[in-house]
Amino acid sequence: MGVDGYKKIKGRKRTAVVDVLGLVLKCHVGAANQADVKAAPGVLFWVLETYSRLVKILADQGYQGDLGSWIK
């Protein structure tokens, strides 16, 4: 079982996509030991298909690697 930053619920990690107002567009709950960059493509695939007018995606340092080239 993984640990997600010593939150009260162990074993789960939440990946959320929000708009500029902070409203949740999509949320994914996965294993805490799964890397952020591994969960992102599944979530972003849905977001990019649903919101075709999406122009810019901002992410933190945890999403470095092949994710940027995958989005392009």
PDB file of N, CA and C in Angstrom:
ATOM      1  N   MET A   1       0.854  -1.164   0.000  1.00  0.00           N
ATOM      2  CA  MET A   1       0.000   0.000   0.000  1.00  0.00           C
ATOM      3  C   MET A   1       0.900   1.227   0.000  1.00  0.00           C
ATOM      4  N   GLY A   2       0.624   2.185  -0.872  1.00  0.00           N
ATOM      5  CA  GLY A   2       1.399   3.424  -0.950  1.00  0.00           C
ATOM      6  C   GLY A   2       0.894   4.466   0.027  1.00  0.00           C
ATOM      7  N   VAL A   3       1.655   5.511   0.173  1.00  0.00           N
ATOM      8  CA  VAL A   3       1.285   6.622   1.053  1.00  0.00           C
ATOM      9  C   VAL A   3       1.224   7.881   0.209  1.00  0.00           C
ATOM     10  N   ASP A   4       0.142   8.642   0.317  1.00  0.00           N
ATOM     11  CA  ASP A   4      -0.017   9.844  -0.503  1.00  0.00           C
ATOM     12  C   ASP A   4       0.234  11.114   0.307  1.00  0.00           C
ATOM     13  N   GLY A   5       1.474  11.334   0.715  1.00  0.00           N
ATOM     14  CA  GLY A   5       1.817  12.564   1.423  1.00  0.00           C
ATOM     15  C   GLY A   5       1.281  12.608   2.838  1.00  0.00           C
ATOM     16  N   TYR A   6       1.063  11.438   3.449  1.00  0.00           N
ATOM     17  CA  TYR A   6       0.577  11.339   4.829  1.00  0.00           C
ATOM     18  C   TYR A   6      -0.795  11.993   5.025  1.00  0.00           C
ATOM     19  N   LYS A   7      -1.655  11.793   4.044  1.00  0.00           N
ATOM     20  CA  LYS A   7      -3.045  12.234   4.177  1.00  0.00           C
ATOM     21  C   LYS A   7      -3.762  11.249   5.105  1.00  0.00           C
ATOM     22  N   LYS A   8      -4.984  11.564   5.466  1.00  0.00           N
ATOM     23  CA  LYS A   8      -5.733  10.698   6.375  1.00  0.00           C
ATOM     24  C   LYS A   8      -6.175   9.398   5.702  1.00  0.00           C
ATOM     25  N   ILE A   9      -6.346   9.423   4.384  1.00  0.00           N
ATOM     26  CA  ILE A   9      -6.738   8.220   3.651  1.00  0.00           C
ATOM     27  C   ILE A   9      -5.501   7.697   2.938  1.00  0.00           C
ATOM     28  N   LYS A  10      -5.020   6.541   3.344  1.00  0.00           N
ATOM     29  CA  LYS A  10      -3.805   5.980   2.761  1.00  0.00           C
ATOM     30  C   LYS A  10      -4.149   5.084   1.573  1.00  0.00           C
ATOM     31  N   GLY A  11      -3.269   5.080   0.596  1.00  0.00           N
ATOM     32  CA  GLY A  11      -3.424   4.184  -0.531  1.00  0.00           C
ATOM     33  C   GLY A  11      -4.103   4.776  -1.739  1.00  0.00           C
ATOM     34  N   ARG A  12      -4.477   6.044  -1.702  1.00  0.00           N
ATOM     35  CA  ARG A  12      -5.160   6.677  -2.837  1.00  0.00           C
ATOM     36  C   ARG A  12      -4.513   8.014  -3.168  1.00  0.00           C
ATOM     37  N   LYS A  13      -4.496   8.318  -4.457  1.00  0.00           N
ATOM     38  CA  LYS A  13      -4.000   9.611  -4.917  1.00  0.00           C
ATOM     39  C   LYS A  13      -5.026  10.180  -5.890  1.00  0.00           C
ATOM     40  N   ARG A  14      -5.307  11.447  -5.759  1.00  0.00           N
ATOM     41  CA  ARG A  14      -6.278  12.094  -6.610  1.00  0.00           C
ATOM     42  C   ARG A  14      -5.583  12.972  -7.643  1.00  0.00           C
ATOM     43  N   THR A  15      -5.991  12.830  -8.906  1.00  0.00           N
ATOM     44  CA  THR A  15      -5.523  13.681  -9.988  1.00  0.00           C
ATOM     45  C   THR A  15      -6.732  14.464 -10.468  1.00  0.00           C
ATOM     46  N   ALA A  16      -6.653  15.779 -10.432  1.00  0.00           N
ATOM     47  CA  ALA A  16      -7.794  16.609 -10.815  1.00  0.00           C
ATOM     48  C   ALA A  16      -7.401  17.570 -11.922  1.00  0.00           C
ATOM     49  N   VAL A  17      -8.320  17.789 -12.851  1.00  0.00           N
ATOM     50  CA  VAL A  17      -8.171  18.802 -13.891  1.00  0.00           C
ATOM     51  C   VAL A  17      -9.220  19.858 -13.597  1.00  0.00           C
ATOM     52  N   VAL A  18      -8.775  21.107 -13.472  1.00  0.00           N
ATOM     53  CA  VAL A  18      -9.685  22.208 -13.149  1.00  0.00           C
ATOM     54  C   VAL A  18      -9.581  23.293 -14.205  1.00  0.00           C
ATOM     55  N   ASP A  19     -10.616  24.143 -14.283  1.00  0.00           N
ATOM     56  CA  ASP A  19     -10.565  25.284 -15.194  1.00  0.00           C
ATOM     57  C   ASP A  19      -9.951  26.478 -14.472  1.00  0.00           C
ATOM     58  N   VAL A  20      -9.957  27.653 -15.121  1.00  0.00           N
ATOM     59  CA  VAL A  20      -9.308  28.833 -14.538  1.00  0.00           C
ATOM     60  C   VAL A  20      -9.999  29.318 -13.269  1.00  0.00           C
ATOM     61  N   LEU A  21     -11.236  28.925 -13.061  1.00  0.00           N
ATOM     62  CA  LEU A  21     -11.961  29.309 -11.849  1.00  0.00           C
ATOM     63  C   LEU A  21     -11.780  28.285 -10.729  1.00  0.00           C
ATOM     64  N   GLY A  22     -11.112  27.181 -11.026  1.00  0.00           N
ATOM     65  CA  GLY A  22     -10.910  26.138 -10.029  1.00  0.00           C
ATOM     66  C   GLY A  22     -12.021  25.109  -9.997  1.00  0.00           C
ATOM     67  N   LEU A  23     -12.935  25.164 -10.949  1.00  0.00           N
ATOM     68  CA  LEU A  23     -14.020  24.185 -11.020  1.00  0.00           C
ATOM     69  C   LEU A  23     -13.486  22.880 -11.616  1.00  0.00           C
ATOM     70  N   VAL A  24     -13.832  21.768 -11.009  1.00  0.00           N
ATOM     71  CA  VAL A  24     -13.310  20.464 -11.425  1.00  0.00           C
ATOM     72  C   VAL A  24     -13.952  20.030 -12.740  1.00  0.00           C
ATOM     73  N   LEU A  25     -13.103  19.728 -13.728  1.00  0.00           N
ATOM     74  CA  LEU A  25     -13.571  19.199 -15.004  1.00  0.00           C
ATOM     75  C   LEU A  25     -13.522  17.673 -15.005  1.00  0.00           C
ATOM     76  N   LYS A  26     -12.475  17.130 -14.394  1.00  0.00           N
ATOM     77  CA  LYS A  26     -12.297  15.676 -14.340  1.00  0.00           C
ATOM     78  C   LYS A  26     -11.451  15.335 -13.130  1.00  0.00           C
ATOM     79  N   CYS A  27     -11.771  14.226 -12.481  1.00  0.00           N
ATOM     80  CA  CYS A  27     -11.006  13.772 -11.325  1.00  0.00           C
ATOM     81  C   CYS A  27     -10.768  12.268 -11.471  1.00  0.00           C
ATOM     82  N   HIS A  28      -9.572  11.850 -11.144  1.00  0.00           N
ATOM     83  CA  HIS A  28      -9.210  10.433 -11.200  1.00  0.00           C
ATOM     84  C   HIS A  28      -8.635  10.035  -9.852  1.00  0.00           C
ATOM     85  N   VAL A  29      -9.101   8.927  -9.310  1.00  0.00           N
ATOM     86  CA  VAL A  29      -8.568   8.404  -8.051  1.00  0.00           C
ATOM     87  C   VAL A  29      -7.850   7.101  -8.374  1.00  0.00           C
ATOM     88  N   GLY A  30      -6.563   7.058  -8.029  1.00  0.00           N
ATOM     89  CA  GLY A  30      -5.757   5.881  -8.326  1.00  0.00           C
ATOM     90  C   GLY A  30      -4.909   5.481  -7.135  1.00  0.00           C
ATOM     91  N   ALA A  31      -4.043   4.520  -7.358  1.00  0.00           N
ATOM     92  CA  ALA A  31      -3.153   4.043  -6.301  1.00  0.00           C
ATOM     93  C   ALA A  31      -2.147   5.125  -5.931  1.00  0.00           C
ATOM     94  N   ALA A  32      -1.823   5.218  -4.656  1.00  0.00           N
ATOM     95  CA  ALA A  32      -0.896   6.246  -4.183  1.00  0.00           C
ATOM     96  C   ALA A  32       0.516   6.004  -4.680  1.00  0.00           C
ATOM     97  N   ASN A  33       0.859   4.768  -4.957  1.00  0.00           N
ATOM     98  CA  ASN A  33       2.211   4.490  -5.425  1.00  0.00           C
ATOM     99  C   ASN A  33       2.358   4.636  -6.935  1.00  0.00           C
ATOM    100  N   GLN A  34       1.306   5.026  -7.632  1.00  0.00           N
ATOM    101  CA  GLN A  34       1.358   5.262  -9.072  1.00  0.00           C
ATOM    102  C   GLN A  34       1.890   6.671  -9.323  1.00  0.00           C
ATOM    103  N   ALA A  35       2.838   6.796 -10.225  1.00  0.00           N
ATOM    104  CA  ALA A  35       3.409   8.106 -10.537  1.00  0.00           C
ATOM    105  C   ALA A  35       2.362   9.001 -11.193  1.00  0.00           C
ATOM    106  N   ASP A  36       2.443  10.298 -10.912  1.00  0.00           N
ATOM    107  CA  ASP A  36       1.506  11.259 -11.497  1.00  0.00           C
ATOM    108  C   ASP A  36       1.513  11.191 -13.019  1.00  0.00           C
ATOM    109  N   VAL A  37       2.690  11.077 -13.579  1.00  0.00           N
ATOM    110  CA  VAL A  37       2.820  11.080 -15.034  1.00  0.00           C
ATOM    111  C   VAL A  37       2.174   9.841 -15.668  1.00  0.00           C
ATOM    112  N   LYS A  38       1.989   8.772 -14.908  1.00  0.00           N
ATOM    113  CA  LYS A  38       1.324   7.566 -15.423  1.00  0.00           C
ATOM    114  C   LYS A  38      -0.199   7.718 -15.443  1.00  0.00           C
ATOM    115  N   ALA A  39      -0.756   8.459 -14.502  1.00  0.00           N
ATOM    116  CA  ALA A  39      -2.207   8.645 -14.436  1.00  0.00           C
ATOM    117  C   ALA A  39      -2.687   9.734 -15.386  1.00  0.00           C
ATOM    118  N   ALA A  40      -1.832  10.680 -15.694  1.00  0.00           N
ATOM    119  CA  ALA A  40      -2.231  11.854 -16.467  1.00  0.00           C
ATOM    120  C   ALA A  40      -2.751  11.557 -17.875  1.00  0.00           C
ATOM    121  N   PRO A  41      -2.130  10.691 -18.671  1.00  0.00           N
ATOM    122  CA  PRO A  41      -2.635  10.488 -20.033  1.00  0.00           C
ATOM    123  C   PRO A  41      -4.094  10.048 -20.101  1.00  0.00           C
ATOM    124  N   GLY A  42      -4.517   9.158 -19.217  1.00  0.00           N
ATOM    125  CA  GLY A  42      -5.913   8.727 -19.224  1.00  0.00           C
ATOM    126  C   GLY A  42      -6.876   9.854 -18.913  1.00  0.00           C
ATOM    127  N   VAL A  43      -6.506  10.683 -17.958  1.00  0.00           N
ATOM    128  CA  VAL A  43      -7.351  11.819 -17.584  1.00  0.00           C
ATOM    129  C   VAL A  43      -7.348  12.857 -18.699  1.00  0.00           C
ATOM    130  N   LEU A  44      -6.169  13.191 -19.207  1.00  0.00           N
ATOM    131  CA  LEU A  44      -6.067  14.223 -20.239  1.00  0.00           C
ATOM    132  C   LEU A  44      -6.693  13.796 -21.557  1.00  0.00           C
ATOM    133  N   PHE A  45      -6.649  12.505 -21.878  1.00  0.00           N
ATOM    134  CA  PHE A  45      -7.296  12.024 -23.097  1.00  0.00           C
ATOM    135  C   PHE A  45      -8.780  12.361 -23.069  1.00  0.00           C
ATOM    136  N   TRP A  46      -9.427  12.102 -21.939  1.00  0.00           N
ATOM    137  CA  TRP A  46     -10.845  12.413 -21.792  1.00  0.00           C
ATOM    138  C   TRP A  46     -11.081  13.918 -21.881  1.00  0.00           C
ATOM    139  N   VAL A  47     -10.255  14.700 -21.205  1.00  0.00           N
ATOM    140  CA  VAL A  47     -10.418  16.157 -21.185  1.00  0.00           C
ATOM    141  C   VAL A  47     -10.249  16.738 -22.583  1.00  0.00           C
ATOM    142  N   LEU A  48      -9.230  16.302 -23.312  1.00  0.00           N
ATOM    143  CA  LEU A  48      -8.985  16.846 -24.649  1.00  0.00           C
ATOM    144  C   LEU A  48     -10.086  16.468 -25.630  1.00  0.00           C
ATOM    145  N   GLU A  49     -10.696  15.304 -25.472  1.00  0.00           N
ATOM    146  CA  GLU A  49     -11.817  14.929 -26.332  1.00  0.00           C
ATOM    147  C   GLU A  49     -13.086  15.687 -25.963  1.00  0.00           C
ATOM    148  N   THR A  50     -13.308  15.898 -24.682  1.00  0.00           N
ATOM    149  CA  THR A  50     -14.527  16.555 -24.216  1.00  0.00           C
ATOM    150  C   THR A  50     -14.483  18.063 -24.424  1.00  0.00           C
ATOM    151  N   TYR A  51     -13.332  18.658 -24.184  1.00  0.00           N
ATOM    152  CA  TYR A  51     -13.169  20.112 -24.301  1.00  0.00           C
ATOM    153  C   TYR A  51     -12.239  20.401 -25.471  1.00  0.00           C
ATOM    154  N   SER A  52     -12.776  20.332 -26.683  1.00  0.00           N
ATOM    155  CA  SER A  52     -11.959  20.473 -27.890  1.00  0.00           C
ATOM    156  C   SER A  52     -11.393  21.882 -28.063  1.00  0.00           C
ATOM    157  N   ARG A  53     -11.971  22.877 -27.395  1.00  0.00           N
ATOM    158  CA  ARG A  53     -11.477  24.253 -27.515  1.00  0.00           C
ATOM    159  C   ARG A  53     -10.371  24.562 -26.511  1.00  0.00           C
ATOM    160  N   LEU A  54      -9.937  23.583 -25.766  1.00  0.00           N
ATOM    161  CA  LEU A  54      -8.880  23.767 -24.778  1.00  0.00           C
ATOM    162  C   LEU A  54      -7.598  24.219 -25.474  1.00  0.00           C
ATOM    163  N   VAL A  55      -7.009  25.315 -24.984  1.00  0.00           N
ATOM    164  CA  VAL A  55      -5.842  25.905 -25.632  1.00  0.00           C
ATOM    165  C   VAL A  55      -4.563  25.678 -24.839  1.00  0.00           C
ATOM    166  N   LYS A  56      -4.625  25.774 -23.522  1.00  0.00           N
ATOM    167  CA  LYS A  56      -3.419  25.710 -22.703  1.00  0.00           C
ATOM    168  C   LYS A  56      -3.616  24.751 -21.541  1.00  0.00           C
ATOM    169  N   ILE A  57      -2.567  23.977 -21.262  1.00  0.00           N
ATOM    170  CA  ILE A  57      -2.567  23.063 -20.124  1.00  0.00           C
ATOM    171  C   ILE A  57      -1.386  23.426 -19.243  1.00  0.00           C
ATOM    172  N   LEU A  58      -1.645  23.676 -17.971  1.00  0.00           N
ATOM    173  CA  LEU A  58      -0.596  23.974 -17.001  1.00  0.00           C
ATOM    174  C   LEU A  58      -0.504  22.808 -16.025  1.00  0.00           C
ATOM    175  N   ALA A  59       0.719  22.429 -15.682  1.00  0.00           N
ATOM    176  CA  ALA A  59       0.928  21.315 -14.752  1.00  0.00           C
ATOM    177  C   ALA A  59       2.135  21.612 -13.877  1.00  0.00           C
ATOM    178  N   ASP A  60       2.207  20.930 -12.741  1.00  0.00           N
ATOM    179  CA  ASP A  60       3.361  21.135 -11.860  1.00  0.00           C
ATOM    180  C   ASP A  60       4.515  20.219 -12.270  1.00  0.00           C
ATOM    181  N   GLN A  61       5.608  20.284 -11.517  1.00  0.00           N
ATOM    182  CA  GLN A  61       6.839  19.565 -11.845  1.00  0.00           C
ATOM    183  C   GLN A  61       6.673  18.043 -11.843  1.00  0.00           C
ATOM    184  N   GLY A  62       5.658  17.535 -11.176  1.00  0.00           N
ATOM    185  CA  GLY A  62       5.448  16.093 -11.120  1.00  0.00           C
ATOM    186  C   GLY A  62       5.068  15.478 -12.454  1.00  0.00           C
ATOM    187  N   TYR A  63       4.732  16.298 -13.429  1.00  0.00           N
ATOM    188  CA  TYR A  63       4.286  15.809 -14.727  1.00  0.00           C
ATOM    189  C   TYR A  63       5.337  16.000 -15.815  1.00  0.00           C
ATOM    190  N   GLN A  64       6.615  16.044 -15.446  1.00  0.00           N
ATOM    191  CA  GLN A  64       7.678  16.173 -16.438  1.00  0.00           C
ATOM    192  C   GLN A  64       7.866  14.854 -17.169  1.00  0.00           C
ATOM    193  N   GLY A  65       8.629  14.901 -18.238  1.00  0.00           N
ATOM    194  CA  GLY A  65       8.923  13.683 -18.983  1.00  0.00           C
ATOM    195  C   GLY A  65       8.234  13.687 -20.329  1.00  0.00           C
ATOM    196  N   ASP A  66       7.704  12.535 -20.718  1.00  0.00           N
ATOM    197  CA  ASP A  66       7.101  12.378 -22.038  1.00  0.00           C
ATOM    198  C   ASP A  66       5.701  12.966 -22.133  1.00  0.00           C
ATOM    199  N   LEU A  67       5.152  13.433 -21.044  1.00  0.00           N
ATOM    200  CA  LEU A  67       3.779  13.940 -21.059  1.00  0.00           C
ATOM    201  C   LEU A  67       3.632  15.140 -21.986  1.00  0.00           C
ATOM    202  N   GLY A  68       4.593  16.048 -21.976  1.00  0.00           N
ATOM    203  CA  GLY A  68       4.533  17.232 -22.843  1.00  0.00           C
ATOM    204  C   GLY A  68       4.494  16.867 -24.314  1.00  0.00           C
ATOM    205  N   SER A  69       5.312  15.926 -24.722  1.00  0.00           N
ATOM    206  CA  SER A  69       5.317  15.499 -26.123  1.00  0.00           C
ATOM    207  C   SER A  69       4.054  14.706 -26.454  1.00  0.00           C
ATOM    208  N   TRP A  70       3.513  13.986 -25.482  1.00  0.00           N
ATOM    209  CA  TRP A  70       2.276  13.230 -25.708  1.00  0.00           C
ATOM    210  C   TRP A  70       1.113  14.176 -25.988  1.00  0.00           C
ATOM    211  N   ILE A  71       1.059  15.300 -25.269  1.00  0.00           N
ATOM    212  CA  ILE A  71      -0.034  16.256 -25.439  1.00  0.00           C
ATOM    213  C   ILE A  71       0.021  16.904 -26.813  1.00  0.00           C
ATOM    214  N   LYS A  72       1.226  17.243 -27.271  1.00  0.00           N
ATOM    215  CA  LYS A  72       1.376  17.897 -28.581  1.00  0.00           C
ATOM    216  C   LYS A  72       0.943  16.962 -29.675  1.00  0.00           C
TER     217      LYS A  72
END
